[in-house]
Full PDB file with SEQRES, HELIX, SHEET, SSBOND, CRYST1, ORIGX, SCALE, CONECT and MASTER records, all heavy atoms in Angstrom:
SEQRES   1 A   39  LEU PRO HIS CYS GLU ILE MET ASP ALA PRO LEU PRO ASP          
SEQRES   2 A   39  GLY LEU LEU SER VAL VAL HIS ILE THR ASP ASP GLY MET          
SEQRES   3 A   39  SER VAL LEU GLU SER LEU GLU ILE THR ASP THR HIS VAL          
SHEET    1 AA1 2 VAL A  18  THR A  22  0                                        
SHEET    2 AA1 2 GLY A  25  LEU A  29 -1                                        
CRYST1    1.000    1.000    1.000  90.00  90.00  90.00 P 1           1          
ORIGX1      1.000000  0.000000  0.000000        0.00000                         
ORIGX2      0.000000  1.000000  0.000000        0.00000                         
ORIGX3      0.000000  0.000000  1.000000        0.00000                         
SCALE1      1.000000  0.000000  0.000000        0.00000                         
SCALE2      0.000000  1.000000  0.000000        0.00000                         
SCALE3      0.000000  0.000000  1.000000        0.00000                         
ATOM      1  N   LEU A   1      46.452-229.991 -74.231  1.00  0.00           N  
ATOM      2  CA  LEU A   1      45.567-230.039 -73.065  1.00  0.00           C  
ATOM      3  C   LEU A   1      44.177-229.508 -73.431  1.00  0.00           C  
ATOM      4  O   LEU A   1      44.058-228.404 -73.964  1.00  0.00           O  
ATOM      5  CB  LEU A   1      46.152-229.224 -71.913  1.00  0.00           C  
ATOM      6  CG  LEU A   1      47.489-229.732 -71.351  1.00  0.00           C  
ATOM      7  CD1 LEU A   1      47.964-228.834 -70.229  1.00  0.00           C  
ATOM      8  CD2 LEU A   1      47.353-231.154 -70.850  1.00  0.00           C  
ATOM      9  N   PRO A   2      43.116-230.262 -73.135  1.00  0.00           N  
ATOM     10  CA  PRO A   2      41.763-229.848 -73.533  1.00  0.00           C  
ATOM     11  C   PRO A   2      41.255-228.662 -72.705  1.00  0.00           C  
ATOM     12  O   PRO A   2      41.462-228.607 -71.491  1.00  0.00           O  
ATOM     13  CB  PRO A   2      40.923-231.098 -73.264  1.00  0.00           C  
ATOM     14  CG  PRO A   2      41.671-231.837 -72.197  1.00  0.00           C  
ATOM     15  CD  PRO A   2      43.124-231.569 -72.454  1.00  0.00           C  
ATOM     16  N   HIS A   3      40.603-227.715 -73.373  1.00  0.00           N  
ATOM     17  CA  HIS A   3      39.992-226.579 -72.667  1.00  0.00           C  
ATOM     18  C   HIS A   3      38.484-226.590 -72.901  1.00  0.00           C  
ATOM     19  O   HIS A   3      37.963-227.383 -73.700  1.00  0.00           O  
ATOM     20  CB  HIS A   3      40.612-225.248 -73.120  1.00  0.00           C  
ATOM     21  CG  HIS A   3      40.327-224.867 -74.539  1.00  0.00           C  
ATOM     22  ND1 HIS A   3      39.087-224.408 -74.963  1.00  0.00           N  
ATOM     23  CD2 HIS A   3      41.103-224.860 -75.660  1.00  0.00           C  
ATOM     24  CE1 HIS A   3      39.117-224.127 -76.243  1.00  0.00           C  
ATOM     25  NE2 HIS A   3      40.327-224.400 -76.712  1.00  0.00           N  
ATOM     26  N   CYS A   4      37.767-225.705 -72.214  1.00  0.00           N  
ATOM     27  CA  CYS A   4      36.305-225.650 -72.357  1.00  0.00           C  
ATOM     28  C   CYS A   4      35.835-224.266 -72.799  1.00  0.00           C  
ATOM     29  O   CYS A   4      34.656-223.935 -72.640  1.00  0.00           O  
ATOM     30  CB  CYS A   4      35.617-226.067 -71.051  1.00  0.00           C  
ATOM     31  SG  CYS A   4      35.993-225.033 -69.624  1.00  0.00           S  
ATOM     32  N   GLU A   5      36.752-223.458 -73.333  1.00  0.00           N  
ATOM     33  CA  GLU A   5      36.361-222.137 -73.824  1.00  0.00           C  
ATOM     34  C   GLU A   5      35.586-222.273 -75.142  1.00  0.00           C  
ATOM     35  O   GLU A   5      35.790-223.209 -75.908  1.00  0.00           O  
ATOM     36  CB  GLU A   5      37.592-221.261 -74.056  1.00  0.00           C  
ATOM     37  CG  GLU A   5      38.430-221.028 -72.812  1.00  0.00           C  
ATOM     38  CD  GLU A   5      37.686-220.255 -71.735  1.00  0.00           C  
ATOM     39  OE1 GLU A   5      36.771-219.477 -72.073  1.00  0.00           O  
ATOM     40  OE2 GLU A   5      38.035-220.429 -70.550  1.00  0.00           O  
ATOM     41  N   ILE A   6      34.704-221.325 -75.400  1.00  0.00           N  
ATOM     42  CA  ILE A   6      33.952-221.287 -76.655  1.00  0.00           C  
ATOM     43  C   ILE A   6      34.657-220.322 -77.596  1.00  0.00           C  
ATOM     44  O   ILE A   6      34.763-219.126 -77.305  1.00  0.00           O  
ATOM     45  CB  ILE A   6      32.491-220.872 -76.400  1.00  0.00           C  
ATOM     46  CG1 ILE A   6      31.797-221.948 -75.548  1.00  0.00           C  
ATOM     47  CG2 ILE A   6      31.754-220.658 -77.710  1.00  0.00           C  
ATOM     48  CD1 ILE A   6      30.401-221.593 -75.130  1.00  0.00           C  
ATOM     49  N   MET A   7      35.144-220.849 -78.707  1.00  0.00           N  
ATOM     50  CA  MET A   7      36.012-220.074 -79.595  1.00  0.00           C  
ATOM     51  C   MET A   7      35.230-219.391 -80.712  1.00  0.00           C  
ATOM     52  O   MET A   7      35.510-219.554 -81.900  1.00  0.00           O  
ATOM     53  CB  MET A   7      37.085-220.998 -80.177  1.00  0.00           C  
ATOM     54  CG  MET A   7      37.947-221.694 -79.145  1.00  0.00           C  
ATOM     55  SD  MET A   7      39.171-220.606 -78.404  1.00  0.00           S  
ATOM     56  CE  MET A   7      40.343-220.478 -79.753  1.00  0.00           C  
ATOM     57  N   ASP A   8      34.199-218.630 -80.347  1.00  0.00           N  
ATOM     58  CA  ASP A   8      33.461-217.863 -81.350  1.00  0.00           C  
ATOM     59  C   ASP A   8      34.287-216.691 -81.864  1.00  0.00           C  
ATOM     60  O   ASP A   8      34.059-216.176 -82.957  1.00  0.00           O  
ATOM     61  CB  ASP A   8      32.147-217.346 -80.753  1.00  0.00           C  
ATOM     62  CG  ASP A   8      31.170-218.475 -80.470  1.00  0.00           C  
ATOM     63  OD1 ASP A   8      31.332-219.542 -81.093  1.00  0.00           O  
ATOM     64  OD2 ASP A   8      30.279-218.306 -79.637  1.00  0.00           O  
ATOM     65  N   ALA A   9      35.250-216.252 -81.040  1.00  0.00           N  
ATOM     66  CA  ALA A   9      36.124-215.146 -81.400  1.00  0.00           C  
ATOM     67  C   ALA A   9      37.478-215.410 -80.746  1.00  0.00           C  
ATOM     68  O   ALA A   9      37.570-216.234 -79.837  1.00  0.00           O  
ATOM     69  CB  ALA A   9      35.540-213.818 -80.898  1.00  0.00           C  
ATOM     70  N   PRO A  10      38.544-214.733 -81.207  1.00  0.00           N  
ATOM     71  CA  PRO A  10      39.857-214.939 -80.574  1.00  0.00           C  
ATOM     72  C   PRO A  10      39.803-214.646 -79.080  1.00  0.00           C  
ATOM     73  O   PRO A  10      39.181-213.668 -78.648  1.00  0.00           O  
ATOM     74  CB  PRO A  10      40.754-213.932 -81.312  1.00  0.00           C  
ATOM     75  CG  PRO A  10      40.079-213.711 -82.627  1.00  0.00           C  
ATOM     76  CD  PRO A  10      38.614-213.803 -82.350  1.00  0.00           C  
ATOM     77  N   LEU A  11      40.446-215.479 -78.298  1.00  0.00           N  
ATOM     78  CA  LEU A  11      40.471-215.275 -76.858  1.00  0.00           C  
ATOM     79  C   LEU A  11      41.375-214.100 -76.504  1.00  0.00           C  
ATOM     80  O   LEU A  11      42.361-213.832 -77.204  1.00  0.00           O  
ATOM     81  CB  LEU A  11      40.963-216.535 -76.153  1.00  0.00           C  
ATOM     82  CG  LEU A  11      40.103-217.784 -76.293  1.00  0.00           C  
ATOM     83  CD1 LEU A  11      40.768-218.964 -75.596  1.00  0.00           C  
ATOM     84  CD2 LEU A  11      38.710-217.561 -75.719  1.00  0.00           C  
ATOM     85  N   PRO A  12      41.065-213.373 -75.426  1.00  0.00           N  
ATOM     86  CA  PRO A  12      41.957-212.284 -74.991  1.00  0.00           C  
ATOM     87  C   PRO A  12      43.358-212.817 -74.720  1.00  0.00           C  
ATOM     88  O   PRO A  12      43.530-213.934 -74.233  1.00  0.00           O  
ATOM     89  CB  PRO A  12      41.280-211.793 -73.692  1.00  0.00           C  
ATOM     90  CG  PRO A  12      39.859-212.222 -73.811  1.00  0.00           C  
ATOM     91  CD  PRO A  12      39.869-213.503 -74.574  1.00  0.00           C  
ATOM     92  N   ASP A  13      44.371-212.015 -75.048  1.00  0.00           N  
ATOM     93  CA  ASP A  13      45.755-212.418 -74.813  1.00  0.00           C  
ATOM     94  C   ASP A  13      45.978-212.721 -73.336  1.00  0.00           C  
ATOM     95  O   ASP A  13      45.582-211.940 -72.462  1.00  0.00           O  
ATOM     96  CB  ASP A  13      46.719-211.311 -75.265  1.00  0.00           C  
ATOM     97  CG  ASP A  13      46.749-211.163 -76.780  1.00  0.00           C  
ATOM     98  OD1 ASP A  13      46.354-212.121 -77.463  1.00  0.00           O  
ATOM     99  OD2 ASP A  13      47.152-210.080 -77.259  1.00  0.00           O  
ATOM    100  N   GLY A  14      46.618-213.851 -73.085  1.00  0.00           N  
ATOM    101  CA  GLY A  14      46.963-214.193 -71.709  1.00  0.00           C  
ATOM    102  C   GLY A  14      45.862-214.870 -70.929  1.00  0.00           C  
ATOM    103  O   GLY A  14      46.065-215.214 -69.760  1.00  0.00           O  
ATOM    104  N   LEU A  15      44.676-215.054 -71.543  1.00  0.00           N  
ATOM    105  CA  LEU A  15      43.579-215.659 -70.783  1.00  0.00           C  
ATOM    106  C   LEU A  15      43.890-217.105 -70.425  1.00  0.00           C  
ATOM    107  O   LEU A  15      43.759-217.506 -69.269  1.00  0.00           O  
ATOM    108  CB  LEU A  15      42.282-215.602 -71.590  1.00  0.00           C  
ATOM    109  CG  LEU A  15      41.088-216.318 -70.931  1.00  0.00           C  
ATOM    110  CD1 LEU A  15      40.679-215.613 -69.648  1.00  0.00           C  
ATOM    111  CD2 LEU A  15      39.896-216.397 -71.877  1.00  0.00           C  
ATOM    112  N   LEU A  16      44.302-217.907 -71.407  1.00  0.00           N  
ATOM    113  CA  LEU A  16      44.590-219.319 -71.190  1.00  0.00           C  
ATOM    114  C   LEU A  16      46.089-219.569 -71.273  1.00  0.00           C  
ATOM    115  O   LEU A  16      46.757-219.050 -72.175  1.00  0.00           O  
ATOM    116  CB  LEU A  16      43.885-220.184 -72.241  1.00  0.00           C  
ATOM    117  CG  LEU A  16      42.429-220.558 -72.024  1.00  0.00           C  
ATOM    118  CD1 LEU A  16      41.975-221.490 -73.139  1.00  0.00           C  
ATOM    119  CD2 LEU A  16      42.191-221.200 -70.675  1.00  0.00           C  
ATOM    120  N   SER A  17      46.597-220.385 -70.367  1.00  0.00           N  
ATOM    121  CA  SER A  17      47.993-220.788 -70.426  1.00  0.00           C  
ATOM    122  C   SER A  17      48.144-222.128 -69.728  1.00  0.00           C  
ATOM    123  O   SER A  17      47.238-222.601 -69.042  1.00  0.00           O  
ATOM    124  CB  SER A  17      48.913-219.733 -69.785  1.00  0.00           C  
ATOM    125  OG  SER A  17      48.495-219.455 -68.461  1.00  0.00           O  
ATOM    126  N   VAL A  18      49.301-222.734 -69.934  1.00  0.00           N  
ATOM    127  CA  VAL A  18      49.611-224.019 -69.314  1.00  0.00           C  
ATOM    128  C   VAL A  18      50.712-223.802 -68.290  1.00  0.00           C  
ATOM    129  O   VAL A  18      51.713-223.133 -68.571  1.00  0.00           O  
ATOM    130  CB  VAL A  18      50.059-225.054 -70.370  1.00  0.00           C  
ATOM    131  CG1 VAL A  18      50.489-226.368 -69.701  1.00  0.00           C  
ATOM    132  CG2 VAL A  18      48.928-225.319 -71.360  1.00  0.00           C  
ATOM    133  N   VAL A  19      50.517-224.376 -67.099  1.00  0.00           N  
ATOM    134  CA  VAL A  19      51.551-224.279 -66.071  1.00  0.00           C  
ATOM    135  C   VAL A  19      52.227-225.628 -65.899  1.00  0.00           C  
ATOM    136  O   VAL A  19      51.615-226.682 -66.082  1.00  0.00           O  
ATOM    137  CB  VAL A  19      50.985-223.788 -64.721  1.00  0.00           C  
ATOM    138  CG1 VAL A  19      50.497-222.356 -64.838  1.00  0.00           C  
ATOM    139  CG2 VAL A  19      49.877-224.702 -64.210  1.00  0.00           C  
ATOM    140  N   HIS A  20      53.499-225.551 -65.556  1.00  0.00           N  
ATOM    141  CA  HIS A  20      54.333-226.725 -65.321  1.00  0.00           C  
ATOM    142  C   HIS A  20      54.733-226.681 -63.846  1.00  0.00           C  
ATOM    143  O   HIS A  20      55.363-225.719 -63.401  1.00  0.00           O  
ATOM    144  CB  HIS A  20      55.555-226.660 -66.245  1.00  0.00           C  
ATOM    145  CG  HIS A  20      56.469-227.823 -66.113  1.00  0.00           C  
ATOM    146  ND1 HIS A  20      57.826-227.739 -66.319  1.00  0.00           N  
ATOM    147  CD2 HIS A  20      56.226-229.119 -65.807  1.00  0.00           C  
ATOM    148  CE1 HIS A  20      58.381-228.927 -66.149  1.00  0.00           C  
ATOM    149  NE2 HIS A  20      57.439-229.773 -65.832  1.00  0.00           N  
ATOM    150  N   ILE A  21      54.337-227.692 -63.092  1.00  0.00           N  
ATOM    151  CA  ILE A  21      54.565-227.694 -61.653  1.00  0.00           C  
ATOM    152  C   ILE A  21      55.582-228.770 -61.289  1.00  0.00           C  
ATOM    153  O   ILE A  21      55.393-229.953 -61.607  1.00  0.00           O  
ATOM    154  CB  ILE A  21      53.245-227.917 -60.892  1.00  0.00           C  
ATOM    155  CG1 ILE A  21      52.246-226.798 -61.234  1.00  0.00           C  
ATOM    156  CG2 ILE A  21      53.491-227.958 -59.389  1.00  0.00           C  
ATOM    157  CD1 ILE A  21      50.873-226.994 -60.629  1.00  0.00           C  
ATOM    158  N   THR A  22      56.667-228.354 -60.634  1.00  0.00           N  
ATOM    159  CA  THR A  22      57.706-229.271 -60.176  1.00  0.00           C  
ATOM    160  C   THR A  22      57.962-229.005 -58.699  1.00  0.00           C  
ATOM    161  O   THR A  22      57.325-228.144 -58.084  1.00  0.00           O  
ATOM    162  CB  THR A  22      59.012-229.070 -60.973  1.00  0.00           C  
ATOM    163  OG1 THR A  22      59.537-227.766 -60.676  1.00  0.00           O  
ATOM    164  CG2 THR A  22      58.750-229.159 -62.479  1.00  0.00           C  
ATOM    165  N   ASP A  23      58.942-229.715 -58.142  1.00  0.00           N  
ATOM    166  CA  ASP A  23      59.319-229.485 -56.743  1.00  0.00           C  
ATOM    167  C   ASP A  23      59.886-228.081 -56.550  1.00  0.00           C  
ATOM    168  O   ASP A  23      59.904-227.562 -55.435  1.00  0.00           O  
ATOM    169  CB  ASP A  23      60.350-230.523 -56.293  1.00  0.00           C  
ATOM    170  CG  ASP A  23      59.758-231.932 -56.230  1.00  0.00           C  
ATOM    171  OD1 ASP A  23      58.519-232.034 -56.128  1.00  0.00           O  
ATOM    172  OD2 ASP A  23      60.526-232.909 -56.292  1.00  0.00           O  
ATOM    173  N   ASP A  24      60.362-227.471 -57.645  1.00  0.00           N  
ATOM    174  CA  ASP A  24      60.940-226.125 -57.554  1.00  0.00           C  
ATOM    175  C   ASP A  24      59.888-225.026 -57.652  1.00  0.00           C  
ATOM    176  O   ASP A  24      60.212-223.844 -57.491  1.00  0.00           O  
ATOM    177  CB  ASP A  24      61.974-225.928 -58.668  1.00  0.00           C  
ATOM    178  CG  ASP A  24      63.149-226.891 -58.529  1.00  0.00           C  
ATOM    179  OD1 ASP A  24      63.506-227.207 -57.382  1.00  0.00           O  
ATOM    180  OD2 ASP A  24      63.689-227.315 -59.565  1.00  0.00           O  
ATOM    181  N   GLY A  25      58.658-225.382 -57.960  1.00  0.00           N  
ATOM    182  CA  GLY A  25      57.614-224.373 -58.049  1.00  0.00           C  
ATOM    183  C   GLY A  25      56.818-224.479 -59.335  1.00  0.00           C  
ATOM    184  O   GLY A  25      56.828-225.502 -60.022  1.00  0.00           O  
ATOM    185  N   MET A  26      56.128-223.396 -59.686  1.00  0.00           N  
ATOM    186  CA  MET A  26      55.236-223.372 -60.844  1.00  0.00           C  
ATOM    187  C   MET A  26      55.750-222.375 -61.879  1.00  0.00           C  
ATOM    188  O   MET A  26      56.099-221.248 -61.546  1.00  0.00           O  
ATOM    189  CB  MET A  26      53.822-222.982 -60.411  1.00  0.00           C  
ATOM    190  CG  MET A  26      52.787-223.042 -61.533  1.00  0.00           C  
ATOM    191  SD  MET A  26      51.116-222.657 -60.933  1.00  0.00           S  
ATOM    192  CE  MET A  26      51.231-220.862 -60.798  1.00  0.00           C  
ATOM    193  N   SER A  27      55.797-222.803 -63.138  1.00  0.00           N  
ATOM    194  CA  SER A  27      56.195-221.910 -64.228  1.00  0.00           C  
ATOM    195  C   SER A  27      55.127-221.944 -65.308  1.00  0.00           C  
ATOM    196  O   SER A  27      54.411-222.944 -65.472  1.00  0.00           O  
ATOM    197  CB  SER A  27      57.550-222.331 -64.813  1.00  0.00           C  
ATOM    198  OG  SER A  27      57.504-223.669 -65.287  1.00  0.00           O  
ATOM    199  N   VAL A  28      54.995-220.838 -66.052  1.00  0.00           N  
ATOM    200  CA  VAL A  28      54.006-220.724 -67.120  1.00  0.00           C  
ATOM    201  C   VAL A  28      54.691-220.995 -68.453  1.00  0.00           C  
ATOM    202  O   VAL A  28      55.731-220.407 -68.762  1.00  0.00           O  
ATOM    203  CB  VAL A  28      53.360-219.328 -67.136  1.00  0.00           C  
ATOM    204  CG1 VAL A  28      52.348-219.223 -68.269  1.00  0.00           C  
ATOM    205  CG2 VAL A  28      52.681-219.047 -65.793  1.00  0.00           C  
ATOM    206  N   LEU A  29      54.110-221.905 -69.253  1.00  0.00           N  
ATOM    207  CA  LEU A  29      54.668-222.256 -70.552  1.00  0.00           C  
ATOM    208  C   LEU A  29      54.027-221.406 -71.650  1.00  0.00           C  
ATOM    209  O   LEU A  29      52.834-221.115 -71.598  1.00  0.00           O  
ATOM    210  CB  LEU A  29      54.436-223.735 -70.857  1.00  0.00           C  
ATOM    211  CG  LEU A  29      54.969-224.734 -69.825  1.00  0.00           C  
ATOM    212  CD1 LEU A  29      54.657-226.163 -70.280  1.00  0.00           C  
ATOM    213  CD2 LEU A  29      56.467-224.559 -69.622  1.00  0.00           C  
ATOM    214  N   GLU A  30      54.817-221.058 -72.647  1.00  0.00           N  
ATOM    215  CA  GLU A  30      54.283-220.312 -73.783  1.00  0.00           C  
ATOM    216  C   GLU A  30      53.526-221.257 -74.708  1.00  0.00           C  
ATOM    217  O   GLU A  30      54.034-222.321 -75.080  1.00  0.00           O  
ATOM    218  CB  GLU A  30      55.417-219.634 -74.556  1.00  0.00           C  
ATOM    219  CG  GLU A  30      54.933-218.778 -75.713  1.00  0.00           C  
ATOM    220  CD  GLU A  30      56.068-218.051 -76.408  1.00  0.00           C  
ATOM    221  OE1 GLU A  30      57.205-218.106 -75.898  1.00  0.00           O  
ATOM    222  OE2 GLU A  30      55.810-217.442 -77.466  1.00  0.00           O  
ATOM    223  N   SER A  31      52.319-220.890 -75.085  1.00  0.00           N  
ATOM    224  CA  SER A  31      51.493-221.747 -75.932  1.00  0.00           C  
ATOM    225  C   SER A  31      51.961-221.673 -77.380  1.00  0.00           C  
ATOM    226  O   SER A  31      52.231-220.589 -77.902  1.00  0.00           O  
ATOM    227  CB  SER A  31      50.030-221.322 -75.852  1.00  0.00           C  
ATOM    228  OG  SER A  31      49.562-221.377 -74.517  1.00  0.00           O  
ATOM    229  N   LEU A  32      52.051-222.845 -78.022  1.00  0.00           N  
ATOM    230  CA  LEU A  32      52.356-222.888 -79.444  1.00  0.00           C  
ATOM    231  C   LEU A  32      51.116-222.561 -80.271  1.00  0.00           C  
ATOM    232  O   LEU A  32      51.188-221.912 -81.309  1.00  0.00           O  
ATOM    233  CB  LEU A  32      52.869-224.276 -79.838  1.00  0.00           C  
ATOM    234  CG  LEU A  32      54.206-224.718 -79.262  1.00  0.00           C  
ATOM    235  CD1 LEU A  32      54.511-226.142 -79.705  1.00  0.00           C  
ATOM    236  CD2 LEU A  32      55.314-223.781 -79.706  1.00  0.00           C  
ATOM    237  N   GLU A  33      49.950-223.027 -79.780  1.00  0.00           N  
ATOM    238  CA  GLU A  33      48.699-222.870 -80.528  1.00  0.00           C  
ATOM    239  C   GLU A  33      47.533-223.095 -79.581  1.00  0.00           C  
ATOM    240  O   GLU A  33      47.625-223.895 -78.648  1.00  0.00           O  
ATOM    241  CB  GLU A  33      48.647-223.893 -81.673  1.00  0.00           C  
ATOM    242  CG  GLU A  33      47.402-223.808 -82.545  1.00  0.00           C  
ATOM    243  CD  GLU A  33      47.353-224.907 -83.593  1.00  0.00           C  
ATOM    244  OE1 GLU A  33      48.212-225.810 -83.557  1.00  0.00           O  
ATOM    245  OE2 GLU A  33      46.432-224.877 -84.440  1.00  0.00           O  
ATOM    246  N   ILE A  34      46.443-222.379 -79.823  1.00  0.00           N  
ATOM    247  CA  ILE A  34      45.184-222.631 -79.120  1.00  0.00           C  
ATOM    248  C   ILE A  34      44.136-222.958 -80.176  1.00  0.00           C  
ATOM    249  O   ILE A  34      43.752-222.106 -80.975  1.00  0.00           O  
ATOM    250  CB  ILE A  34      44.739-221.424 -78.272  1.00  0.00           C  
ATOM    251  CG1 ILE A  34      45.792-221.085 -77.210  1.00  0.00           C  
ATOM    252  CG2 ILE A  34      43.398-221.721 -77.601  1.00  0.00           C  
ATOM    253  CD1 ILE A  34      45.439-219.891 -76.348  1.00  0.00           C  
ATOM    254  N   THR A  35      43.701-224.219 -80.191  1.00  0.00           N  
ATOM    255  CA  THR A  35      42.689-224.652 -81.159  1.00  0.00           C  
ATOM    256  C   THR A  35      41.302-224.508 -80.541  1.00  0.00           C  
ATOM    257  O   THR A  35      41.156-224.011 -79.414  1.00  0.00           O  
ATOM    258  CB  THR A  35      42.927-226.118 -81.568  1.00  0.00           C  
ATOM    259  OG1 THR A  35      42.596-226.971 -80.454  1.00  0.00           O  
ATOM    260  CG2 THR A  35      44.372-226.350 -81.970  1.00  0.00           C  
ATOM    261  N   ASP A  36      40.286-224.954 -81.257  1.00  0.00           N  
ATOM    262  CA  ASP A  36      38.923-224.900 -80.728  1.00  0.00           C  
ATOM    263  C   ASP A  36      38.770-225.759 -79.471  1.00  0.00           C  
ATOM    264  O   ASP A  36      37.851-225.532 -78.681  1.00  0.00           O  
ATOM    265  CB  ASP A  36      37.918-225.388 -81.776  1.00  0.00           C  
ATOM    266  CG  ASP A  36      37.741-224.381 -82.898  1.00  0.00           C  
ATOM    267  OD1 ASP A  36      38.225-223.238 -82.745  1.00  0.00           O  
ATOM    268  OD2 ASP A  36      37.128-224.738 -83.922  1.00  0.00           O  
ATOM    269  N   THR A  37      39.640-226.745 -79.304  1.00  0.00           N  
ATOM    270  CA  THR A  37      39.462-227.699 -78.202  1.00  0.00           C  
ATOM    271  C   THR A  37      40.672-227.852 -77.290  1.00  0.00           C  
ATOM    272  O   THR A  37      40.527-228.333 -76.167  1.00  0.00           O  
ATOM    273  CB  THR A  37      39.125-229.096 -78.762  1.00  0.00           C  
ATOM    274  OG1 THR A  37      40.170-229.505 -79.670  1.00  0.00           O  
ATOM    275  CG2 THR A  37      37.792-229.078 -79.496  1.00  0.00           C  
ATOM    276  N   HIS A  38      41.888-227.460 -77.757  1.00  0.00           N  
ATOM    277  CA  HIS A  38      43.093-227.746 -76.990  1.00  0.00           C  
ATOM    278  C   HIS A  38      44.062-226.565 -76.975  1.00  0.00           C  
ATOM    279  O   HIS A  38      44.048-225.720 -77.870  1.00  0.00           O  
ATOM    280  CB  HIS A  38      43.834-228.962 -77.557  1.00  0.00           C  
ATOM    281  CG  HIS A  38      43.116-230.266 -77.355  1.00  0.00           C  
ATOM    282  ND1 HIS A  38      42.026-230.634 -78.120  1.00  0.00           N  
ATOM    283  CD2 HIS A  38      43.333-231.281 -76.478  1.00  0.00           C  
ATOM    284  CE1 HIS A  38      41.604-231.829 -77.717  1.00  0.00           C  
ATOM    285  NE2 HIS A  38      42.382-232.242 -76.733  1.00  0.00           N  
ATOM    286  N   VAL A  39      44.914-226.560 -75.952  1.00  0.00           N  
ATOM    287  CA  VAL A  39      46.060-225.650 -75.893  1.00  0.00           C  
ATOM    288  C   VAL A  39      47.314-226.511 -76.062  1.00  0.00           C  
ATOM    289  O   VAL A  39      47.503-227.498 -75.352  1.00  0.00           O  
ATOM    290  CB  VAL A  39      46.122-224.888 -74.558  1.00  0.00           C  
ATOM    291  CG1 VAL A  39      47.353-223.993 -74.513  1.00  0.00           C  
ATOM    292  CG2 VAL A  39      44.855-224.066 -74.361  1.00  0.00           C  
TER     293      VAL A  39                                                      
MASTER        0    0    0    0    2    0    0    6  292    1    0    3          
END                                                                             
């Protein structure tokens, strides 16, 4: 998923994450990697 953060330095832990939304609600997925452009 594309992000718009500027990766001049490592992002603070927990700043960016991906959520999965279903009829049962919203859950937060653990990121495998955060690149300069994508999570």
